[in-house]
Amino acid sequence: MADPARNTLPLPDYDHLPIGGLESRVRSLSADEVERLLAYERSHADRLPVPQLLGSRPDQLQGGAEPTSGDPNALRPEAGPGGRGGSPVSPATSPQPHSPPPHGTPDQPAQPKGDRT
């Protein structure tokens, strides 16, 4: 069952945002919107770094900080230009192994170390 409070949050898909991207997205919100997110977080996931992050923003706003013009609906930066996240490494860009592992490979079984006396 969907939580109706989730639909009224100032950041869309808040529950799916990574914590690392949350700080820059929160800067576009007013103090009231940050307080709504903070109350939602405490009553739901209550992830330790999130209340710390959200709790400092109202203090910054009261101290004279202004909300930025950032768009809370913007695409997540992790998605990148191709819409996919992750490493650009592929088998084609991986280096060739320089020596077989000491236990051998299927093509080259391990060699005994010799007689030890």
C-alpha atoms as a PDB file:
ATOM      1  CA  MET A   1       0.000   0.000   0.000  1.00  0.00           C
ATOM      2  CA  ALA A   2       1.431   3.364  -1.069  1.00  0.00           C
ATOM      3  CA  ASP A   3       2.015   6.040   1.544  1.00  0.00           C
ATOM      4  CA  PRO A   4       0.038   9.216   0.653  1.00  0.00           C
ATOM      5  CA  ALA A   5       2.731  11.389   2.289  1.00  0.00           C
ATOM      6  CA  ARG A   6       5.198  10.182  -0.345  1.00  0.00           C
ATOM      7  CA  ASN A   7       3.187  11.923  -3.099  1.00  0.00           C
ATOM      8  CA  THR A   8       3.414  15.318  -1.381  1.00  0.00           C
ATOM      9  CA  LEU A   9       7.183  15.371  -0.863  1.00  0.00           C
ATOM     10  CA  PRO A  10       9.072  18.283  -2.464  1.00  0.00           C
ATOM     11  CA  LEU A  11      11.576  15.923  -4.148  1.00  0.00           C
ATOM     12  CA  PRO A  12      10.132  13.382  -6.565  1.00  0.00           C
ATOM     13  CA  ASP A  13      11.250   9.804  -5.950  1.00  0.00           C
ATOM     14  CA  TYR A  14      12.819  10.871  -2.642  1.00  0.00           C
ATOM     15  CA  ASP A  15      12.823   7.266  -1.394  1.00  0.00           C
ATOM     16  CA  HIS A  16      15.022   6.214  -4.308  1.00  0.00           C
ATOM     17  CA  LEU A  17      17.565   9.039  -4.187  1.00  0.00           C
ATOM     18  CA  PRO A  18      21.096   8.050  -3.156  1.00  0.00           C
ATOM     19  CA  ILE A  19      22.302   9.828  -0.047  1.00  0.00           C
ATOM     20  CA  GLY A  20      25.289  11.244  -1.933  1.00  0.00           C
ATOM     21  CA  GLY A  21      23.057  13.128  -4.367  1.00  0.00           C
ATOM     22  CA  LEU A  22      20.650  14.362  -1.750  1.00  0.00           C
ATOM     23  CA  GLU A  23      22.755  17.264  -0.435  1.00  0.00           C
ATOM     24  CA  SER A  24      22.834  19.165  -3.727  1.00  0.00           C
ATOM     25  CA  ARG A  25      19.132  18.571  -4.388  1.00  0.00           C
ATOM     26  CA  VAL A  26      18.123  19.783  -0.912  1.00  0.00           C
ATOM     27  CA  ARG A  27      19.762  23.155  -1.578  1.00  0.00           C
ATOM     28  CA  SER A  28      16.910  24.114  -3.902  1.00  0.00           C
ATOM     29  CA  LEU A  29      14.285  23.687  -1.158  1.00  0.00           C
ATOM     30  CA  SER A  30      12.851  26.145   1.328  1.00  0.00           C
ATOM     31  CA  ALA A  31      13.099  25.613   5.083  1.00  0.00           C
ATOM     32  CA  ASP A  32       9.498  24.322   5.218  1.00  0.00           C
ATOM     33  CA  GLU A  33      10.174  21.787   2.451  1.00  0.00           C
ATOM     34  CA  VAL A  34      13.318  20.574   4.201  1.00  0.00           C
ATOM     35  CA  GLU A  35      11.329  20.164   7.434  1.00  0.00           C
ATOM     36  CA  ARG A  36       8.727  18.066   5.571  1.00  0.00           C
ATOM     37  CA  LEU A  37      11.483  15.813   4.203  1.00  0.00           C
ATOM     38  CA  LEU A  38      13.043  15.529   7.642  1.00  0.00           C
ATOM     39  CA  ALA A  39       9.737  14.506   9.238  1.00  0.00           C
ATOM     40  CA  TYR A  40       9.124  11.964   6.462  1.00  0.00           C
ATOM     41  CA  GLU A  41      12.628  10.503   6.815  1.00  0.00           C
ATOM     42  CA  ARG A  42      12.334  10.146  10.586  1.00  0.00           C
ATOM     43  CA  SER A  43       8.984   8.371  10.310  1.00  0.00           C
ATOM     44  CA  HIS A  44      10.072   6.025   7.531  1.00  0.00           C
ATOM     45  CA  ALA A  45      13.648   4.939   6.755  1.00  0.00           C
ATOM     46  CA  ASP A  46      15.435   7.085   9.387  1.00  0.00           C
ATOM     47  CA  ARG A  47      18.837   6.610   7.742  1.00  0.00           C
ATOM     48  CA  LEU A  48      21.403   8.114  10.126  1.00  0.00           C
ATOM     49  CA  PRO A  49      23.239  10.458   7.722  1.00  0.00           C
ATOM     50  CA  VAL A  50      20.008  11.861   6.235  1.00  0.00           C
ATOM     51  CA  PRO A  51      18.608  13.560   9.388  1.00  0.00           C
ATOM     52  CA  GLN A  52      22.083  14.974  10.002  1.00  0.00           C
ATOM     53  CA  LEU A  53      22.204  16.364   6.459  1.00  0.00           C
ATOM     54  CA  LEU A  54      18.636  17.659   6.463  1.00  0.00           C
ATOM     55  CA  GLY A  55      18.884  18.995  10.006  1.00  0.00           C
ATOM     56  CA  SER A  56      21.724  21.348   9.125  1.00  0.00           C
ATOM     57  CA  ARG A  57      19.968  22.920   6.127  1.00  0.00           C
ATOM     58  CA  PRO A  58      17.280  24.915   8.048  1.00  0.00           C
ATOM     59  CA  ASP A  59      20.075  26.386  10.187  1.00  0.00           C
ATOM     60  CA  GLN A  60      21.908  27.425   7.023  1.00  0.00           C
ATOM     61  CA  LEU A  61      18.751  29.037   5.633  1.00  0.00           C
ATOM     62  CA  GLN A  62      18.089  30.903   8.887  1.00  0.00           C
ATOM     63  CA  GLY A  63      21.710  32.067   8.809  1.00  0.00           C
ATOM     64  CA  GLY A  64      21.130  33.794   5.479  1.00  0.00           C
ATOM     65  CA  ALA A  65      21.699  31.063   2.909  1.00  0.00           C
ATOM     66  CA  GLU A  66      19.355  31.256  -0.061  1.00  0.00           C
ATOM     67  CA  PRO A  67      17.831  28.299  -1.882  1.00  0.00           C
ATOM     68  CA  THR A  68      19.645  27.764  -5.175  1.00  0.00           C
ATOM     69  CA  SER A  69      17.960  27.696  -8.530  1.00  0.00           C
ATOM     70  CA  GLY A  70      18.637  23.970  -8.830  1.00  0.00           C
ATOM     71  CA  ASP A  71      15.809  21.902 -10.226  1.00  0.00           C
ATOM     72  CA  PRO A  72      14.605  19.217  -7.797  1.00  0.00           C
ATOM     73  CA  ASN A  73      13.108  17.405 -10.809  1.00  0.00           C
ATOM     74  CA  ALA A  74      16.438  17.178 -12.646  1.00  0.00           C
ATOM     75  CA  LEU A  75      17.826  13.835 -13.671  1.00  0.00           C
ATOM     76  CA  ARG A  76      20.057  12.102 -11.209  1.00  0.00           C
ATOM     77  CA  PRO A  77      23.729  12.769 -11.955  1.00  0.00           C
ATOM     78  CA  GLU A  78      24.552   9.083 -11.541  1.00  0.00           C
ATOM     79  CA  ALA A  79      22.650   8.233 -14.713  1.00  0.00           C
ATOM     80  CA  GLY A  80      25.131   9.975 -17.015  1.00  0.00           C
ATOM     81  CA  PRO A  81      24.492  10.985 -20.625  1.00  0.00           C
ATOM     82  CA  GLY A  82      23.619   7.502 -21.848  1.00  0.00           C
ATOM     83  CA  GLY A  83      21.104   6.920 -19.085  1.00  0.00           C
ATOM     84  CA  ARG A  84      23.214   4.162 -17.570  1.00  0.00           C
ATOM     85  CA  GLY A  85      25.377   4.329 -14.511  1.00  0.00           C
ATOM     86  CA  GLY A  86      28.313   2.159 -13.637  1.00  0.00           C
ATOM     87  CA  SER A  87      31.819   1.621 -14.830  1.00  0.00           C
ATOM     88  CA  PRO A  88      32.843   2.112 -18.469  1.00  0.00           C
ATOM     89  CA  VAL A  89      35.141  -0.903 -18.161  1.00  0.00           C
ATOM     90  CA  SER A  90      34.345  -3.793 -20.468  1.00  0.00           C
ATOM     91  CA  PRO A  91      36.165  -6.942 -21.558  1.00  0.00           C
ATOM     92  CA  ALA A  92      37.351  -5.020 -24.616  1.00  0.00           C
ATOM     93  CA  THR A  93      39.018  -2.347 -22.465  1.00  0.00           C
ATOM     94  CA  SER A  94      40.394  -4.686 -19.786  1.00  0.00           C
ATOM     95  CA  PRO A  95      44.129  -5.462 -19.857  1.00  0.00           C
ATOM     96  CA  GLN A  96      45.444  -8.890 -20.720  1.00  0.00           C
ATOM     97  CA  PRO A  97      46.735 -10.890 -17.754  1.00  0.00           C
ATOM     98  CA  HIS A  98      50.519 -10.712 -17.527  1.00  0.00           C
ATOM     99  CA  SER A  99      51.140 -14.062 -15.871  1.00  0.00           C
ATOM    100  CA  PRO A 100      48.994 -17.031 -14.887  1.00  0.00           C
ATOM    101  CA  PRO A 101      47.933 -17.334 -11.270  1.00  0.00           C
ATOM    102  CA  PRO A 102      50.077 -19.622  -9.092  1.00  0.00           C
ATOM    103  CA  HIS A 103      47.404 -22.307  -9.042  1.00  0.00           C
ATOM    104  CA  GLY A 104      47.375 -22.508 -12.852  1.00  0.00           C
ATOM    105  CA  THR A 105      44.630 -22.079 -15.403  1.00  0.00           C
ATOM    106  CA  PRO A 106      42.585 -24.660 -17.311  1.00  0.00           C
ATOM    107  CA  ASP A 107      44.946 -24.206 -20.269  1.00  0.00           C
ATOM    108  CA  GLN A 108      48.109 -24.253 -18.161  1.00  0.00           C
ATOM    109  CA  PRO A 109      47.949 -26.381 -15.003  1.00  0.00           C
ATOM    110  CA  ALA A 110      50.149 -25.554 -12.049  1.00  0.00           C
ATOM    111  CA  GLN A 111      53.636 -26.944 -11.977  1.00  0.00           C
ATOM    112  CA  PRO A 112      54.998 -28.715  -8.918  1.00  0.00           C
ATOM    113  CA  LYS A 113      57.614 -26.775  -6.962  1.00  0.00           C
ATOM    114  CA  GLY A 114      60.011 -29.631  -7.107  1.00  0.00           C
ATOM    115  CA  ASP A 115      61.347 -32.035  -4.537  1.00  0.00           C
ATOM    116  CA  ARG A 116      61.945 -30.513  -1.153  1.00  0.00           C
ATOM    117  CA  THR A 117      64.077 -32.412   1.217  1.00  0.00           C
END
